[in-house]
N, C-alpha and C. Protein backbone atom coordinates (compact mmCIF):
# COMPACT_ATOMS: atom_id res chain seq x y z
N MET A 1 27.23 -64.82 -26.25
CA MET A 1 25.82 -64.76 -26.46
C MET A 1 25.09 -62.96 -25.90
N ILE A 2 24.36 -62.71 -26.62
CA ILE A 2 23.10 -61.23 -26.22
C ILE A 2 21.91 -61.49 -26.35
N VAL A 3 21.08 -60.54 -25.78
CA VAL A 3 19.85 -60.62 -25.79
C VAL A 3 19.64 -59.59 -26.90
N ALA A 4 19.29 -59.49 -27.93
CA ALA A 4 19.19 -59.03 -29.29
C ALA A 4 17.32 -58.31 -29.00
N ASP A 5 17.54 -56.51 -28.94
CA ASP A 5 16.19 -56.15 -29.10
C ASP A 5 15.78 -55.98 -30.58
N THR A 6 14.41 -56.20 -30.86
CA THR A 6 13.54 -56.29 -32.12
C THR A 6 14.24 -55.05 -32.97
N ASN A 7 14.96 -53.74 -32.24
CA ASN A 7 15.25 -53.14 -33.61
C ASN A 7 16.33 -53.63 -34.13
N LEU A 8 17.17 -54.14 -33.33
CA LEU A 8 18.72 -54.97 -33.77
C LEU A 8 18.16 -55.87 -34.78
N LEU A 9 17.25 -56.84 -34.59
CA LEU A 9 16.94 -58.12 -35.67
C LEU A 9 16.16 -57.40 -36.76
N VAL A 10 15.42 -56.43 -36.62
CA VAL A 10 14.96 -55.95 -37.81
C VAL A 10 16.02 -55.13 -38.68
N HIS A 11 16.90 -54.75 -38.15
CA HIS A 11 17.63 -54.02 -38.93
C HIS A 11 18.75 -55.32 -39.39
N LEU A 12 18.70 -56.76 -38.94
CA LEU A 12 19.75 -57.26 -39.44
C LEU A 12 19.22 -57.99 -40.80
N PHE A 13 17.93 -58.25 -40.85
CA PHE A 13 16.94 -58.88 -41.51
C PHE A 13 16.53 -57.67 -42.56
N VAL A 14 16.33 -56.59 -42.43
CA VAL A 14 15.65 -55.76 -43.25
C VAL A 14 16.78 -54.88 -43.99
N GLN A 15 17.28 -54.71 -44.97
CA GLN A 15 18.32 -53.95 -45.28
C GLN A 15 17.88 -52.44 -45.32
N GLY A 16 18.76 -51.77 -44.65
CA GLY A 16 18.68 -50.37 -44.46
C GLY A 16 19.69 -49.38 -43.84
N THR A 17 19.88 -48.45 -43.75
CA THR A 17 20.80 -47.70 -42.64
C THR A 17 21.28 -48.29 -41.85
N HIS A 18 20.93 -49.11 -40.99
CA HIS A 18 21.35 -49.92 -39.40
C HIS A 18 21.81 -51.10 -39.93
N THR A 19 21.62 -51.73 -40.93
CA THR A 19 22.11 -52.98 -41.08
C THR A 19 23.52 -53.24 -40.93
N MET A 20 24.58 -52.93 -41.38
CA MET A 20 25.69 -52.68 -41.21
C MET A 20 26.29 -52.71 -40.09
N LYS A 21 25.61 -51.83 -38.94
CA LYS A 21 25.91 -52.23 -37.55
C LYS A 21 24.93 -53.53 -37.06
N SER A 22 23.90 -54.04 -37.43
CA SER A 22 23.58 -54.87 -37.15
C SER A 22 24.27 -56.20 -37.11
N GLU A 23 24.79 -56.12 -38.53
CA GLU A 23 25.83 -57.19 -39.06
C GLU A 23 26.91 -57.57 -38.05
N ALA A 24 27.75 -56.11 -37.89
CA ALA A 24 28.87 -55.94 -36.93
C ALA A 24 28.73 -56.51 -35.50
N VAL A 25 27.64 -56.60 -34.70
CA VAL A 25 27.16 -57.08 -33.88
C VAL A 25 27.36 -58.70 -34.00
N LEU A 26 26.48 -58.84 -34.94
CA LEU A 26 26.53 -60.19 -35.30
C LEU A 26 27.89 -60.88 -35.76
N MET A 27 28.73 -60.40 -36.19
CA MET A 27 29.91 -60.62 -36.03
C MET A 27 30.91 -60.97 -34.96
N LYS A 28 30.65 -59.80 -34.18
CA LYS A 28 30.80 -60.12 -32.45
C LYS A 28 30.57 -61.58 -32.32
N ASP A 29 29.08 -61.59 -31.77
CA ASP A 29 28.79 -62.34 -31.59
C ASP A 29 27.48 -62.98 -32.30
N GLN A 30 27.71 -64.20 -32.26
CA GLN A 30 26.66 -64.95 -33.45
C GLN A 30 25.41 -65.61 -32.46
N GLY A 31 25.47 -65.64 -30.96
CA GLY A 31 24.37 -66.32 -30.48
C GLY A 31 23.95 -64.87 -29.67
N TRP A 32 22.51 -65.05 -30.31
CA TRP A 32 21.45 -63.97 -30.29
C TRP A 32 20.50 -64.91 -29.33
N ALA A 33 19.77 -64.14 -28.45
CA ALA A 33 18.53 -64.44 -27.66
C ALA A 33 17.63 -63.45 -27.55
N ALA A 34 16.27 -63.58 -27.54
CA ALA A 34 15.28 -62.78 -27.14
C ALA A 34 14.04 -63.39 -26.60
N PRO A 35 13.07 -62.86 -25.96
CA PRO A 35 11.82 -63.04 -25.56
C PRO A 35 11.01 -63.29 -27.01
N TRP A 36 9.92 -64.30 -26.57
CA TRP A 36 8.66 -65.10 -27.50
C TRP A 36 8.56 -63.42 -27.92
N LEU A 37 8.28 -62.47 -27.28
CA LEU A 37 7.62 -60.94 -27.46
C LEU A 37 8.37 -60.52 -29.10
N TRP A 38 9.60 -60.87 -29.39
CA TRP A 38 10.14 -60.29 -30.67
C TRP A 38 9.59 -60.40 -31.77
N ARG A 39 8.90 -61.87 -31.60
CA ARG A 39 7.94 -61.95 -33.10
C ARG A 39 6.62 -61.39 -33.33
N SER A 40 6.34 -60.72 -32.51
CA SER A 40 5.04 -59.89 -32.79
C SER A 40 5.50 -58.52 -32.98
N GLU A 41 6.55 -58.02 -32.01
CA GLU A 41 7.50 -56.76 -32.55
C GLU A 41 8.09 -56.62 -33.95
N PHE A 42 8.70 -57.88 -34.21
CA PHE A 42 9.33 -58.00 -36.07
C PHE A 42 8.10 -58.14 -36.86
N ARG A 43 7.36 -58.72 -36.73
CA ARG A 43 5.89 -58.72 -37.43
C ARG A 43 5.21 -57.47 -37.44
N ASN A 44 5.08 -56.55 -36.29
CA ASN A 44 4.55 -55.05 -36.56
C ASN A 44 5.23 -54.45 -37.28
N ALA A 45 6.50 -54.19 -37.11
CA ALA A 45 7.56 -53.49 -38.15
C ALA A 45 7.44 -53.67 -39.25
N LEU A 46 7.35 -55.39 -39.45
CA LEU A 46 7.45 -55.22 -41.47
C LEU A 46 6.01 -54.92 -41.72
N ILE A 47 5.11 -54.92 -41.01
CA ILE A 47 3.73 -54.42 -41.48
C ILE A 47 3.91 -53.18 -41.75
N GLY A 48 4.37 -52.12 -41.15
CA GLY A 48 4.55 -51.00 -40.85
C GLY A 48 5.71 -50.64 -42.59
N LEU A 49 6.48 -51.48 -42.65
CA LEU A 49 7.22 -51.46 -43.86
C LEU A 49 6.65 -51.58 -45.21
N VAL A 50 5.37 -52.52 -45.27
CA VAL A 50 4.37 -53.00 -46.05
C VAL A 50 3.85 -52.05 -46.53
N ARG A 51 3.12 -51.44 -45.32
CA ARG A 51 2.07 -49.77 -45.37
C ARG A 51 2.96 -48.63 -46.01
N ARG A 52 3.88 -48.79 -45.76
CA ARG A 52 4.56 -47.23 -46.46
C ARG A 52 5.15 -48.04 -47.68
N GLY A 53 5.44 -49.20 -48.47
CA GLY A 53 5.46 -49.72 -49.52
C GLY A 53 7.08 -49.49 -49.57
N GLN A 54 7.86 -49.79 -48.26
CA GLN A 54 8.93 -49.83 -48.80
C GLN A 54 9.54 -51.87 -48.66
N VAL A 55 8.50 -52.50 -48.42
CA VAL A 55 9.06 -54.31 -48.83
C VAL A 55 7.36 -54.55 -49.25
N THR A 56 7.36 -55.42 -49.77
CA THR A 56 6.00 -56.06 -50.53
C THR A 56 6.09 -56.96 -49.26
N ARG A 57 4.37 -57.41 -49.24
CA ARG A 57 3.97 -58.54 -48.56
C ARG A 57 4.57 -59.75 -48.80
N GLN A 58 5.04 -60.02 -49.94
CA GLN A 58 5.78 -61.14 -50.30
C GLN A 58 7.20 -61.30 -49.43
N GLU A 59 7.52 -60.15 -49.63
CA GLU A 59 9.14 -59.84 -49.10
C GLU A 59 8.75 -59.95 -47.53
N ALA A 60 7.79 -59.25 -47.04
CA ALA A 60 7.42 -59.52 -45.39
C ALA A 60 7.34 -61.14 -45.08
N ASP A 61 6.67 -61.71 -46.14
CA ASP A 61 6.43 -63.12 -45.76
C ASP A 61 7.84 -63.71 -45.70
N HIS A 62 8.65 -63.73 -46.81
CA HIS A 62 10.02 -64.27 -46.48
C HIS A 62 11.17 -64.01 -45.50
N LEU A 63 10.83 -62.66 -45.25
CA LEU A 63 11.19 -62.23 -43.68
C LEU A 63 11.19 -62.64 -43.00
N VAL A 64 10.15 -62.80 -42.44
CA VAL A 64 9.54 -63.31 -41.10
C VAL A 64 9.67 -64.72 -41.27
N GLU A 65 9.72 -64.89 -42.38
CA GLU A 65 10.13 -66.94 -42.04
C GLU A 65 11.94 -67.00 -42.01
N THR A 66 12.53 -66.15 -42.37
CA THR A 66 14.02 -66.43 -42.33
C THR A 66 14.21 -65.83 -40.73
N ALA A 67 13.70 -64.88 -40.57
CA ALA A 67 14.14 -64.40 -39.19
C ALA A 67 13.71 -65.46 -37.81
N GLU A 68 12.59 -65.72 -37.85
CA GLU A 68 11.79 -66.84 -37.07
C GLU A 68 12.94 -68.24 -37.32
N THR A 69 13.25 -68.85 -38.29
CA THR A 69 14.19 -69.93 -38.32
C THR A 69 15.45 -69.48 -37.49
N TRP A 70 16.40 -68.58 -38.05
CA TRP A 70 17.32 -68.28 -37.36
C TRP A 70 17.29 -68.35 -35.63
N MET A 71 16.01 -67.46 -35.37
CA MET A 71 16.05 -67.62 -33.87
C MET A 71 15.45 -68.98 -33.20
N SER A 72 15.06 -69.73 -33.81
CA SER A 72 14.58 -70.86 -33.24
C SER A 72 15.80 -71.56 -32.24
N GLY A 73 15.00 -71.75 -31.29
CA GLY A 73 15.78 -72.47 -30.16
C GLY A 73 16.59 -71.39 -29.27
N ARG A 74 16.04 -69.78 -29.74
CA ARG A 74 16.98 -68.69 -28.91
C ARG A 74 15.57 -67.91 -28.24
N GLU A 75 14.73 -68.62 -28.05
CA GLU A 75 13.43 -67.79 -27.93
C GLU A 75 13.03 -68.11 -26.30
N TYR A 76 12.64 -67.03 -25.34
CA TYR A 76 12.78 -67.59 -23.82
C TYR A 76 11.25 -66.65 -23.59
N THR A 77 10.59 -67.50 -22.46
CA THR A 77 9.62 -67.14 -21.71
C THR A 77 10.10 -65.98 -20.50
N VAL A 78 9.24 -65.12 -20.20
CA VAL A 78 9.65 -64.70 -19.36
C VAL A 78 8.60 -64.73 -17.64
N GLU A 79 9.02 -64.09 -16.89
CA GLU A 79 8.37 -64.21 -15.34
C GLU A 79 7.44 -62.79 -15.56
N SER A 80 6.06 -62.98 -15.68
CA SER A 80 5.06 -61.64 -15.51
C SER A 80 5.50 -61.04 -14.01
N HIS A 81 5.99 -61.55 -13.06
CA HIS A 81 6.25 -60.43 -11.97
C HIS A 81 7.62 -59.72 -12.29
N THR A 82 8.28 -60.53 -13.04
CA THR A 82 9.60 -60.04 -13.09
C THR A 82 9.74 -58.51 -13.88
N VAL A 83 8.94 -58.70 -15.21
CA VAL A 83 8.62 -57.78 -15.99
C VAL A 83 7.69 -56.62 -15.17
N LEU A 84 6.54 -56.73 -14.50
CA LEU A 84 5.91 -55.41 -14.09
C LEU A 84 6.91 -55.13 -12.93
N ARG A 85 8.06 -55.68 -12.22
CA ARG A 85 8.65 -55.04 -11.38
C ARG A 85 9.91 -54.02 -12.51
N LEU A 86 10.50 -54.78 -13.07
CA LEU A 86 11.04 -53.87 -14.09
C LEU A 86 10.37 -52.74 -14.22
N ALA A 87 9.28 -52.80 -15.10
CA ALA A 87 8.62 -51.92 -15.71
C ALA A 87 8.33 -50.49 -14.85
N ALA A 88 7.72 -51.07 -13.56
CA ALA A 88 7.36 -50.19 -12.54
C ALA A 88 8.55 -49.35 -11.88
N GLU A 89 9.65 -50.18 -11.77
CA GLU A 89 10.86 -49.48 -11.15
C GLU A 89 11.50 -48.16 -12.12
N SER A 90 11.44 -48.80 -14.02
CA SER A 90 12.26 -48.05 -14.46
C SER A 90 11.64 -47.29 -15.00
N GLY A 91 9.96 -47.24 -15.64
CA GLY A 91 9.29 -46.30 -16.37
C GLY A 91 9.57 -46.97 -17.62
N CYS A 92 9.67 -47.80 -18.07
CA CYS A 92 10.04 -48.26 -19.21
C CYS A 92 8.67 -49.31 -19.37
N SER A 93 8.42 -49.33 -20.90
CA SER A 93 7.36 -50.47 -21.18
C SER A 93 7.07 -51.75 -20.81
N ALA A 94 6.20 -52.57 -20.21
CA ALA A 94 6.56 -53.73 -19.96
C ALA A 94 7.13 -54.66 -21.34
N TYR A 95 6.55 -54.24 -22.46
CA TYR A 95 7.18 -54.90 -23.55
C TYR A 95 8.73 -54.95 -23.51
N ASP A 96 9.18 -53.93 -23.40
CA ASP A 96 10.69 -53.37 -23.62
C ASP A 96 11.05 -54.57 -22.11
N CYS A 97 10.72 -54.22 -20.95
CA CYS A 97 11.25 -54.95 -19.77
C CYS A 97 11.24 -56.76 -20.01
N GLU A 98 10.52 -56.88 -20.94
CA GLU A 98 10.60 -58.33 -21.19
C GLU A 98 12.06 -58.79 -21.95
N PHE A 99 12.97 -57.51 -22.51
CA PHE A 99 14.02 -58.20 -23.11
C PHE A 99 14.91 -58.16 -22.00
N VAL A 100 14.64 -57.02 -20.93
CA VAL A 100 15.78 -56.80 -19.96
C VAL A 100 15.98 -57.80 -18.98
N ALA A 101 13.92 -58.65 -19.02
CA ALA A 101 14.11 -59.79 -17.99
C ALA A 101 14.87 -61.24 -18.78
N VAL A 102 14.62 -61.44 -20.05
CA VAL A 102 15.93 -62.18 -20.44
C VAL A 102 17.17 -62.20 -20.03
N ALA A 103 17.53 -61.10 -20.92
CA ALA A 103 18.85 -60.42 -19.94
C ALA A 103 19.40 -60.99 -18.96
N GLU A 104 18.50 -60.35 -17.97
CA GLU A 104 19.32 -60.26 -16.53
C GLU A 104 19.07 -62.04 -15.94
N ASP A 105 17.79 -62.61 -16.64
CA ASP A 105 17.90 -64.04 -16.32
C ASP A 105 18.90 -65.03 -16.89
N LEU A 106 19.45 -64.85 -18.07
CA LEU A 106 20.25 -65.48 -18.95
C LEU A 106 22.11 -64.84 -18.15
N GLY A 107 21.59 -64.22 -17.68
CA GLY A 107 23.48 -63.02 -17.55
C GLY A 107 24.01 -62.56 -18.82
N LEU A 108 23.00 -62.19 -19.65
CA LEU A 108 23.92 -61.50 -20.80
C LEU A 108 23.53 -59.60 -21.01
N PRO A 109 23.81 -59.58 -21.63
CA PRO A 109 23.72 -57.90 -22.06
C PRO A 109 22.37 -57.85 -22.94
N LEU A 110 21.79 -56.78 -22.78
CA LEU A 110 20.99 -56.62 -23.85
C LEU A 110 20.95 -55.78 -25.00
N VAL A 111 21.15 -55.73 -26.25
CA VAL A 111 21.85 -55.18 -27.12
C VAL A 111 20.84 -54.24 -27.78
N THR A 112 20.78 -52.70 -27.41
CA THR A 112 19.48 -52.10 -28.06
C THR A 112 19.78 -50.40 -28.43
N ALA A 113 19.09 -50.02 -28.99
CA ALA A 113 19.82 -48.89 -29.62
C ALA A 113 18.55 -47.96 -28.94
N ASP A 114 17.42 -48.45 -28.11
CA ASP A 114 16.96 -47.52 -27.39
C ASP A 114 17.37 -46.76 -26.43
N ARG A 115 16.86 -45.85 -26.37
CA ARG A 115 17.95 -44.73 -25.13
C ARG A 115 17.20 -45.01 -24.11
N GLN A 116 15.98 -45.00 -23.71
CA GLN A 116 15.56 -45.33 -22.35
C GLN A 116 15.74 -46.39 -21.85
N LEU A 117 15.98 -47.49 -22.27
CA LEU A 117 16.53 -48.67 -21.92
C LEU A 117 17.87 -48.76 -21.43
N LEU A 118 18.35 -48.12 -22.50
CA LEU A 118 20.01 -47.45 -22.10
C LEU A 118 19.85 -46.95 -20.40
N ARG A 119 19.26 -45.94 -20.43
CA ARG A 119 19.64 -44.94 -19.51
C ARG A 119 18.91 -45.87 -18.25
N ALA A 120 17.74 -46.69 -18.37
CA ALA A 120 17.10 -46.91 -16.87
C ALA A 120 17.84 -48.26 -16.44
N PHE A 121 18.64 -49.39 -17.94
CA PHE A 121 19.43 -50.21 -17.34
C PHE A 121 20.47 -50.46 -17.59
N PRO A 122 21.78 -49.24 -17.25
CA PRO A 122 22.68 -49.48 -17.58
C PRO A 122 23.94 -50.46 -17.50
N SER A 123 23.32 -51.21 -16.56
CA SER A 123 24.03 -52.54 -16.26
C SER A 123 23.69 -53.40 -16.84
N THR A 124 22.60 -53.41 -17.62
CA THR A 124 22.07 -54.51 -18.36
C THR A 124 22.41 -54.30 -19.97
N ALA A 125 21.50 -53.32 -20.16
CA ALA A 125 21.65 -52.69 -21.98
C ALA A 125 22.74 -51.61 -22.06
N VAL A 126 23.45 -52.52 -23.26
CA VAL A 126 24.29 -51.44 -24.48
C VAL A 126 23.93 -51.60 -25.63
N ALA A 127 24.61 -50.59 -25.88
CA ALA A 127 24.62 -49.75 -27.45
C ALA A 127 25.21 -50.76 -28.46
N PRO A 128 24.64 -51.01 -29.84
CA PRO A 128 25.53 -51.95 -30.28
C PRO A 128 26.94 -51.48 -30.73
N ASP A 129 27.24 -49.96 -31.02
CA ASP A 129 28.51 -49.79 -30.74
C ASP A 129 29.33 -50.08 -29.90
N VAL A 130 29.21 -50.21 -28.70
CA VAL A 130 29.94 -50.53 -27.33
C VAL A 130 30.27 -52.09 -27.69
N ILE A 131 29.10 -52.96 -28.42
CA ILE A 131 29.69 -54.41 -28.46
C ILE A 131 30.47 -54.40 -29.66
N VAL A 132 30.08 -53.76 -30.84
CA VAL A 132 31.02 -53.92 -31.95
C VAL A 132 32.73 -53.13 -31.80
N SER A 133 32.79 -52.37 -30.45
CA SER A 133 34.18 -51.77 -30.37
C SER A 133 34.65 -52.93 -29.03
N ARG A 134 33.70 -54.03 -28.68
CA ARG A 134 34.53 -54.77 -27.51
C ARG A 134 35.82 -55.76 -28.29
N LYS A 135 36.61 -55.46 -27.94
CA LYS A 135 37.78 -57.04 -28.11
C LYS A 135 37.80 -58.20 -27.49
């Protein structure tokens, strides 16, 4: 099982140049978890795509429904003091540290393409390529 950053989820459900990488991570590990925040970040990414004309509003509605159904039962709350501590120590956003907090709490890797998270949390955050290359 892994904690999936929102960028990994977006690339899994929205076809694009990074979809194959997200699919490869899924082939390695089908158990994905995330903090509840992923929903807001996912919706924000979708509305950006709608505004740029890359997907229609109807497509965005379908994508969010599909993603929320798939992630159901794998969403976690976080302790605010933990998130604040992680953000203060790392310089990363509190939003990003929610994912780190879930990963640390569950003892799972956080799979992300976010370079700042990868640098700040080398024992928790791993790039998708690392997960894919593991045997």
